Amino acid sequence: MRPGDNEVVWEFDGSDGHASVMGALVVRHIEGLDDLLPEDYDDPMDQLAAEFADRPDELVEADPELARLFPPALEDEEQARQFRRDAITQQARDRIEAARMVLADVSMEDDAVVYVTMGRIDAWVKTMSAIRAQWNVDLTGSTDRLAEATRRDVANNPTAVAVCDWLGYLIEDALEARIMALRAGEL
């Protein structure tokens, strides 16, 4: 039997200020994504017009951290640009929704253990992975998803190294916990 959405599958240790750090990272992430969304209007036609007028693809191309989160999906440059423009707004909304779940969890349990349920674990992994990818851009100076830090990068940016390592550990731990919960549910 698959674990229920409310079953705890992973614990995030928010002690020693880790919850505050995670909260700050998530807020920074949300703020960067929020710039990609058009202004909200009550009138559906006004909202549609705002979405057509906005150029989130230009914002993404100008910001390497955002470019890493929204890479071109197609080889043809013009088709990739059009697809990216059409997809960015919804993808940004999805990422913000996941990040807000994480922010709500760490805000509720400041400086304590956060019990993450099956229904929220994917939001945590998605958010931590995106934040780690952005910090890797800061560390390596590259939007390439396979970019690795050089010794010079590591020496010049120990904060980015620490954040990437910490998030990498948390992501791996969360994924292992999720897999174990799913396997236990199959028994």
C-alpha atoms as a PDB file:
ATOM      1  CA  MET A   1       0.000   0.000   0.000  1.00  0.00           C
ATOM      2  CA  ARG A   2       1.374   3.406  -0.988  1.00  0.00           C
ATOM      3  CA  PRO A   3       2.072   5.779   1.916  1.00  0.00           C
ATOM      4  CA  GLY A   4      -0.685   8.339   2.455  1.00  0.00           C
ATOM      5  CA  ASP A   5      -0.108  12.013   1.698  1.00  0.00           C
ATOM      6  CA  ASN A   6      -0.192  12.832   5.420  1.00  0.00           C
ATOM      7  CA  GLU A   7       2.333  10.180   6.419  1.00  0.00           C
ATOM      8  CA  VAL A   8       5.662  11.621   7.575  1.00  0.00           C
ATOM      9  CA  VAL A   9       8.462  10.357   5.346  1.00  0.00           C
ATOM     10  CA  TRP A  10      11.334  12.749   6.093  1.00  0.00           C
ATOM     11  CA  GLU A  11      12.540  15.011   8.857  1.00  0.00           C
ATOM     12  CA  PHE A  12      14.314  18.311   8.238  1.00  0.00           C
ATOM     13  CA  ASP A  13      16.413  19.389  11.205  1.00  0.00           C
ATOM     14  CA  GLY A  14      15.707  23.095  11.551  1.00  0.00           C
ATOM     15  CA  SER A  15      17.745  23.502  14.733  1.00  0.00           C
ATOM     16  CA  ASP A  16      20.809  25.713  15.057  1.00  0.00           C
ATOM     17  CA  GLY A  17      19.259  28.247  12.682  1.00  0.00           C
ATOM     18  CA  HIS A  18      18.878  25.802   9.783  1.00  0.00           C
ATOM     19  CA  ALA A  19      15.158  26.606   9.515  1.00  0.00           C
ATOM     20  CA  SER A  20      15.959  30.312   9.274  1.00  0.00           C
ATOM     21  CA  VAL A  21      18.595  29.692   6.613  1.00  0.00           C
ATOM     22  CA  MET A  22      16.229  27.489   4.612  1.00  0.00           C
ATOM     23  CA  GLY A  23      13.504  30.119   4.961  1.00  0.00           C
ATOM     24  CA  ALA A  24      15.828  32.866   3.716  1.00  0.00           C
ATOM     25  CA  LEU A  25      16.944  30.763   0.751  1.00  0.00           C
ATOM     26  CA  VAL A  26      13.346  29.973  -0.159  1.00  0.00           C
ATOM     27  CA  VAL A  27      12.251  33.624   0.130  1.00  0.00           C
ATOM     28  CA  ARG A  28      15.113  34.667  -2.170  1.00  0.00           C
ATOM     29  CA  HIS A  29      14.063  31.951  -4.612  1.00  0.00           C
ATOM     30  CA  ILE A  30      10.406  33.049  -4.576  1.00  0.00           C
ATOM     31  CA  GLU A  31      11.331  36.704  -5.084  1.00  0.00           C
ATOM     32  CA  GLY A  32      13.401  35.840  -8.155  1.00  0.00           C
ATOM     33  CA  LEU A  33      10.580  33.793  -9.650  1.00  0.00           C
ATOM     34  CA  ASP A  34       7.912  36.331  -8.751  1.00  0.00           C
ATOM     35  CA  ASP A  35       9.436  38.796 -11.225  1.00  0.00           C
ATOM     36  CA  LEU A  36       8.506  36.378 -14.018  1.00  0.00           C
ATOM     37  CA  LEU A  37       4.779  36.532 -13.305  1.00  0.00           C
ATOM     38  CA  PRO A  38       2.482  39.121 -14.861  1.00  0.00           C
ATOM     39  CA  GLU A  39       0.540  41.425 -12.609  1.00  0.00           C
ATOM     40  CA  ASP A  40      -2.741  39.887 -11.392  1.00  0.00           C
ATOM     41  CA  TYR A  41      -6.001  41.360 -12.671  1.00  0.00           C
ATOM     42  CA  ASP A  42      -9.584  40.571 -11.701  1.00  0.00           C
ATOM     43  CA  ASP A  43     -10.765  40.787 -15.309  1.00  0.00           C
ATOM     44  CA  PRO A  44      -9.757  37.657 -17.298  1.00  0.00           C
ATOM     45  CA  MET A  45      -9.184  39.680 -20.486  1.00  0.00           C
ATOM     46  CA  ASP A  46      -6.918  42.121 -18.665  1.00  0.00           C
ATOM     47  CA  GLN A  47      -5.044  39.156 -17.195  1.00  0.00           C
ATOM     48  CA  LEU A  48      -4.626  37.597 -20.636  1.00  0.00           C
ATOM     49  CA  ALA A  49      -3.398  40.887 -22.069  1.00  0.00           C
ATOM     50  CA  ALA A  50      -0.862  41.196 -19.234  1.00  0.00           C
ATOM     51  CA  GLU A  51       0.415  37.688 -19.887  1.00  0.00           C
ATOM     52  CA  PHE A  52       0.860  38.398 -23.594  1.00  0.00           C
ATOM     53  CA  ALA A  53       2.553  41.731 -22.919  1.00  0.00           C
ATOM     54  CA  ASP A  54       5.021  40.327 -20.372  1.00  0.00           C
ATOM     55  CA  ARG A  55       8.312  39.012 -21.648  1.00  0.00           C
ATOM     56  CA  PRO A  56       9.485  36.560 -18.999  1.00  0.00           C
ATOM     57  CA  ASP A  57      11.820  34.961 -21.531  1.00  0.00           C
ATOM     58  CA  GLU A  58      13.809  38.205 -21.704  1.00  0.00           C
ATOM     59  CA  LEU A  59      14.121  38.295 -17.923  1.00  0.00           C
ATOM     60  CA  VAL A  60      15.287  34.685 -17.898  1.00  0.00           C
ATOM     61  CA  GLU A  61      17.874  35.297 -20.598  1.00  0.00           C
ATOM     62  CA  ALA A  62      19.233  38.300 -18.668  1.00  0.00           C
ATOM     63  CA  ASP A  63      19.597  36.445 -15.351  1.00  0.00           C
ATOM     64  CA  PRO A  64      21.941  33.418 -15.315  1.00  0.00           C
ATOM     65  CA  GLU A  65      20.331  31.950 -12.164  1.00  0.00           C
ATOM     66  CA  LEU A  66      16.902  32.017 -13.804  1.00  0.00           C
ATOM     67  CA  ALA A  67      18.342  30.791 -17.102  1.00  0.00           C
ATOM     68  CA  ARG A  68      19.579  27.696 -15.262  1.00  0.00           C
ATOM     69  CA  LEU A  69      16.022  26.975 -14.074  1.00  0.00           C
ATOM     70  CA  PHE A  70      14.450  27.513 -17.497  1.00  0.00           C
ATOM     71  CA  PRO A  71      16.859  26.073 -20.070  1.00  0.00           C
ATOM     72  CA  PRO A  72      15.920  25.951 -23.759  1.00  0.00           C
ATOM     73  CA  ALA A  73      13.855  22.846 -24.441  1.00  0.00           C
ATOM     74  CA  LEU A  74      14.386  22.703 -28.192  1.00  0.00           C
ATOM     75  CA  GLU A  75      17.431  22.908 -30.447  1.00  0.00           C
ATOM     76  CA  ASP A  76      15.929  25.391 -32.913  1.00  0.00           C
ATOM     77  CA  GLU A  77      16.620  28.790 -31.350  1.00  0.00           C
ATOM     78  CA  GLU A  78      13.364  30.459 -32.431  1.00  0.00           C
ATOM     79  CA  GLN A  79      11.189  27.493 -31.462  1.00  0.00           C
ATOM     80  CA  ALA A  80      13.031  27.246 -28.150  1.00  0.00           C
ATOM     81  CA  ARG A  81      12.431  30.948 -27.462  1.00  0.00           C
ATOM     82  CA  GLN A  82       8.701  30.635 -28.232  1.00  0.00           C
ATOM     83  CA  PHE A  83       8.290  27.487 -26.150  1.00  0.00           C
ATOM     84  CA  ARG A  84      10.226  29.033 -23.303  1.00  0.00           C
ATOM     85  CA  ARG A  85       8.117  32.177 -23.395  1.00  0.00           C
ATOM     86  CA  ASP A  86       4.906  30.145 -23.331  1.00  0.00           C
ATOM     87  CA  ALA A  87       6.077  27.807 -20.554  1.00  0.00           C
ATOM     88  CA  ILE A  88       7.901  30.121 -18.144  1.00  0.00           C
ATOM     89  CA  THR A  89       4.851  31.655 -16.491  1.00  0.00           C
ATOM     90  CA  GLN A  90       3.236  28.335 -15.579  1.00  0.00           C
ATOM     91  CA  GLN A  91       6.530  26.776 -14.554  1.00  0.00           C
ATOM     92  CA  ALA A  92       7.296  29.804 -12.354  1.00  0.00           C
ATOM     93  CA  ARG A  93       3.857  29.514 -10.732  1.00  0.00           C
ATOM     94  CA  ASP A  94       4.453  25.805 -10.048  1.00  0.00           C
ATOM     95  CA  ARG A  95       7.885  26.501  -8.555  1.00  0.00           C
ATOM     96  CA  ILE A  96       6.504  29.310  -6.386  1.00  0.00           C
ATOM     97  CA  GLU A  97       3.683  27.081  -5.125  1.00  0.00           C
ATOM     98  CA  ALA A  98       6.194  24.375  -4.145  1.00  0.00           C
ATOM     99  CA  ALA A  99       8.495  26.935  -2.517  1.00  0.00           C
ATOM    100  CA  ARG A 100       5.630  28.408  -0.501  1.00  0.00           C
ATOM    101  CA  MET A 101       4.859  24.942   0.869  1.00  0.00           C
ATOM    102  CA  VAL A 102       8.449  24.639   2.067  1.00  0.00           C
ATOM    103  CA  LEU A 103       8.394  28.167   3.482  1.00  0.00           C
ATOM    104  CA  ALA A 104       5.184  27.426   5.373  1.00  0.00           C
ATOM    105  CA  ASP A 105       6.726  24.263   6.817  1.00  0.00           C
ATOM    106  CA  VAL A 106       9.928  25.926   8.038  1.00  0.00           C
ATOM    107  CA  SER A 107       8.035  28.961   9.335  1.00  0.00           C
ATOM    108  CA  MET A 108       5.760  26.774  11.471  1.00  0.00           C
ATOM    109  CA  GLU A 109       8.641  24.877  13.044  1.00  0.00           C
ATOM    110  CA  ASP A 110      11.313  27.563  13.432  1.00  0.00           C
ATOM    111  CA  ASP A 111      14.449  26.074  14.973  1.00  0.00           C
ATOM    112  CA  ALA A 112      12.935  22.605  15.380  1.00  0.00           C
ATOM    113  CA  VAL A 113      12.424  19.426  13.408  1.00  0.00           C
ATOM    114  CA  VAL A 114      10.096  19.807  10.443  1.00  0.00           C
ATOM    115  CA  TYR A 115       8.155  16.639   9.712  1.00  0.00           C
ATOM    116  CA  VAL A 116       7.687  16.425   5.946  1.00  0.00           C
ATOM    117  CA  THR A 117       4.815  14.317   4.672  1.00  0.00           C
ATOM    118  CA  MET A 118       4.551  12.287   1.490  1.00  0.00           C
ATOM    119  CA  GLY A 119       2.225  14.958   0.120  1.00  0.00           C
ATOM    120  CA  ARG A 120       4.912  17.634   0.543  1.00  0.00           C
ATOM    121  CA  ILE A 121       8.199  15.827  -0.060  1.00  0.00           C
ATOM    122  CA  ASP A 122       8.185  16.496  -3.813  1.00  0.00           C
ATOM    123  CA  ALA A 123       7.744  20.229  -3.158  1.00  0.00           C
ATOM    124  CA  TRP A 124      10.742  20.151  -0.830  1.00  0.00           C
ATOM    125  CA  VAL A 125      12.948  18.284  -3.312  1.00  0.00           C
ATOM    126  CA  LYS A 126      11.849  20.483  -6.213  1.00  0.00           C
ATOM    127  CA  THR A 127      12.526  23.659  -4.260  1.00  0.00           C
ATOM    128  CA  MET A 128      15.858  22.577  -2.784  1.00  0.00           C
ATOM    129  CA  SER A 129      17.027  21.357  -6.205  1.00  0.00           C
ATOM    130  CA  ALA A 130      16.146  24.666  -7.852  1.00  0.00           C
ATOM    131  CA  ILE A 131      17.876  26.667  -5.133  1.00  0.00           C
ATOM    132  CA  ARG A 132      20.944  24.448  -5.368  1.00  0.00           C
ATOM    133  CA  ALA A 133      21.035  24.882  -9.151  1.00  0.00           C
ATOM    134  CA  GLN A 134      20.920  28.658  -8.726  1.00  0.00           C
ATOM    135  CA  TRP A 135      23.730  28.637  -6.175  1.00  0.00           C
ATOM    136  CA  ASN A 136      25.764  26.393  -8.482  1.00  0.00           C
ATOM    137  CA  VAL A 137      25.487  29.083 -11.159  1.00  0.00           C
ATOM    138  CA  ASP A 138      26.794  31.581  -8.625  1.00  0.00           C
ATOM    139  CA  LEU A 139      29.639  29.216  -7.744  1.00  0.00           C
ATOM    140  CA  THR A 140      30.690  28.158 -11.246  1.00  0.00           C
ATOM    141  CA  GLY A 141      29.606  31.163 -13.305  1.00  0.00           C
ATOM    142  CA  SER A 142      27.915  28.771 -15.732  1.00  0.00           C
ATOM    143  CA  THR A 143      24.307  27.914 -16.519  1.00  0.00           C
ATOM    144  CA  ASP A 144      25.390  24.480 -17.787  1.00  0.00           C
ATOM    145  CA  ARG A 145      23.676  21.859 -15.652  1.00  0.00           C
ATOM    146  CA  LEU A 146      26.866  19.769 -15.604  1.00  0.00           C
ATOM    147  CA  ALA A 147      29.166  22.656 -14.647  1.00  0.00           C
ATOM    148  CA  GLU A 148      31.580  21.746 -11.902  1.00  0.00           C
ATOM    149  CA  ALA A 149      33.362  24.153  -9.630  1.00  0.00           C
ATOM    150  CA  THR A 150      37.087  24.596 -10.071  1.00  0.00           C
ATOM    151  CA  ARG A 151      39.495  24.908  -7.156  1.00  0.00           C
ATOM    152  CA  ARG A 152      39.527  28.643  -7.752  1.00  0.00           C
ATOM    153  CA  ASP A 153      35.692  28.766  -7.670  1.00  0.00           C
ATOM    154  CA  VAL A 154      35.699  26.899  -4.366  1.00  0.00           C
ATOM    155  CA  ALA A 155      38.353  29.160  -2.843  1.00  0.00           C
ATOM    156  CA  ASN A 156      36.596  32.325  -4.030  1.00  0.00           C
ATOM    157  CA  ASN A 157      33.085  31.411  -2.884  1.00  0.00           C
ATOM    158  CA  PRO A 158      33.041  29.216   0.224  1.00  0.00           C
ATOM    159  CA  THR A 159      29.474  30.305   1.041  1.00  0.00           C
ATOM    160  CA  ALA A 160      28.154  28.954  -2.260  1.00  0.00           C
ATOM    161  CA  VAL A 161      30.105  25.742  -1.701  1.00  0.00           C
ATOM    162  CA  ALA A 162      28.580  25.327   1.760  1.00  0.00           C
ATOM    163  CA  VAL A 163      25.041  25.996   0.495  1.00  0.00           C
ATOM    164  CA  CYS A 164      25.408  23.624  -2.470  1.00  0.00           C
ATOM    165  CA  ASP A 165      26.881  20.868  -0.282  1.00  0.00           C
ATOM    166  CA  TRP A 166      24.215  21.275   2.407  1.00  0.00           C
ATOM    167  CA  LEU A 167      21.352  21.278  -0.102  1.00  0.00           C
ATOM    168  CA  GLY A 168      22.879  18.328  -1.949  1.00  0.00           C
ATOM    169  CA  TYR A 169      22.961  16.349   1.290  1.00  0.00           C
ATOM    170  CA  LEU A 170      19.355  17.304   2.125  1.00  0.00           C
ATOM    171  CA  ILE A 171      18.095  16.430  -1.371  1.00  0.00           C
ATOM    172  CA  GLU A 172      19.770  13.027  -1.303  1.00  0.00           C
ATOM    173  CA  ASP A 173      18.480  12.326   2.204  1.00  0.00           C
ATOM    174  CA  ALA A 174      14.924  13.383   1.300  1.00  0.00           C
ATOM    175  CA  LEU A 175      14.910  11.273  -1.863  1.00  0.00           C
ATOM    176  CA  GLU A 176      16.214   8.223  -0.002  1.00  0.00           C
ATOM    177  CA  ALA A 177      13.533   8.679   2.673  1.00  0.00           C
ATOM    178  CA  ARG A 178      10.847   8.960  -0.016  1.00  0.00           C
ATOM    179  CA  ILE A 179      12.053   5.806  -1.758  1.00  0.00           C
ATOM    180  CA  MET A 180      12.191   3.900   1.530  1.00  0.00           C
ATOM    181  CA  ALA A 181       8.636   4.988   2.371  1.00  0.00           C
ATOM    182  CA  LEU A 182       7.403   3.874  -1.043  1.00  0.00           C
ATOM    183  CA  ARG A 183       9.182   0.536  -0.759  1.00  0.00           C
ATOM    184  CA  ALA A 184       7.827  -0.016   2.743  1.00  0.00           C
ATOM    185  CA  GLY A 185       4.357   0.674   1.395  1.00  0.00           C
ATOM    186  CA  GLU A 186       4.765  -2.077  -1.213  1.00  0.00           C
ATOM    187  CA  LEU A 187       5.455  -4.774   1.398  1.00  0.00           C
END
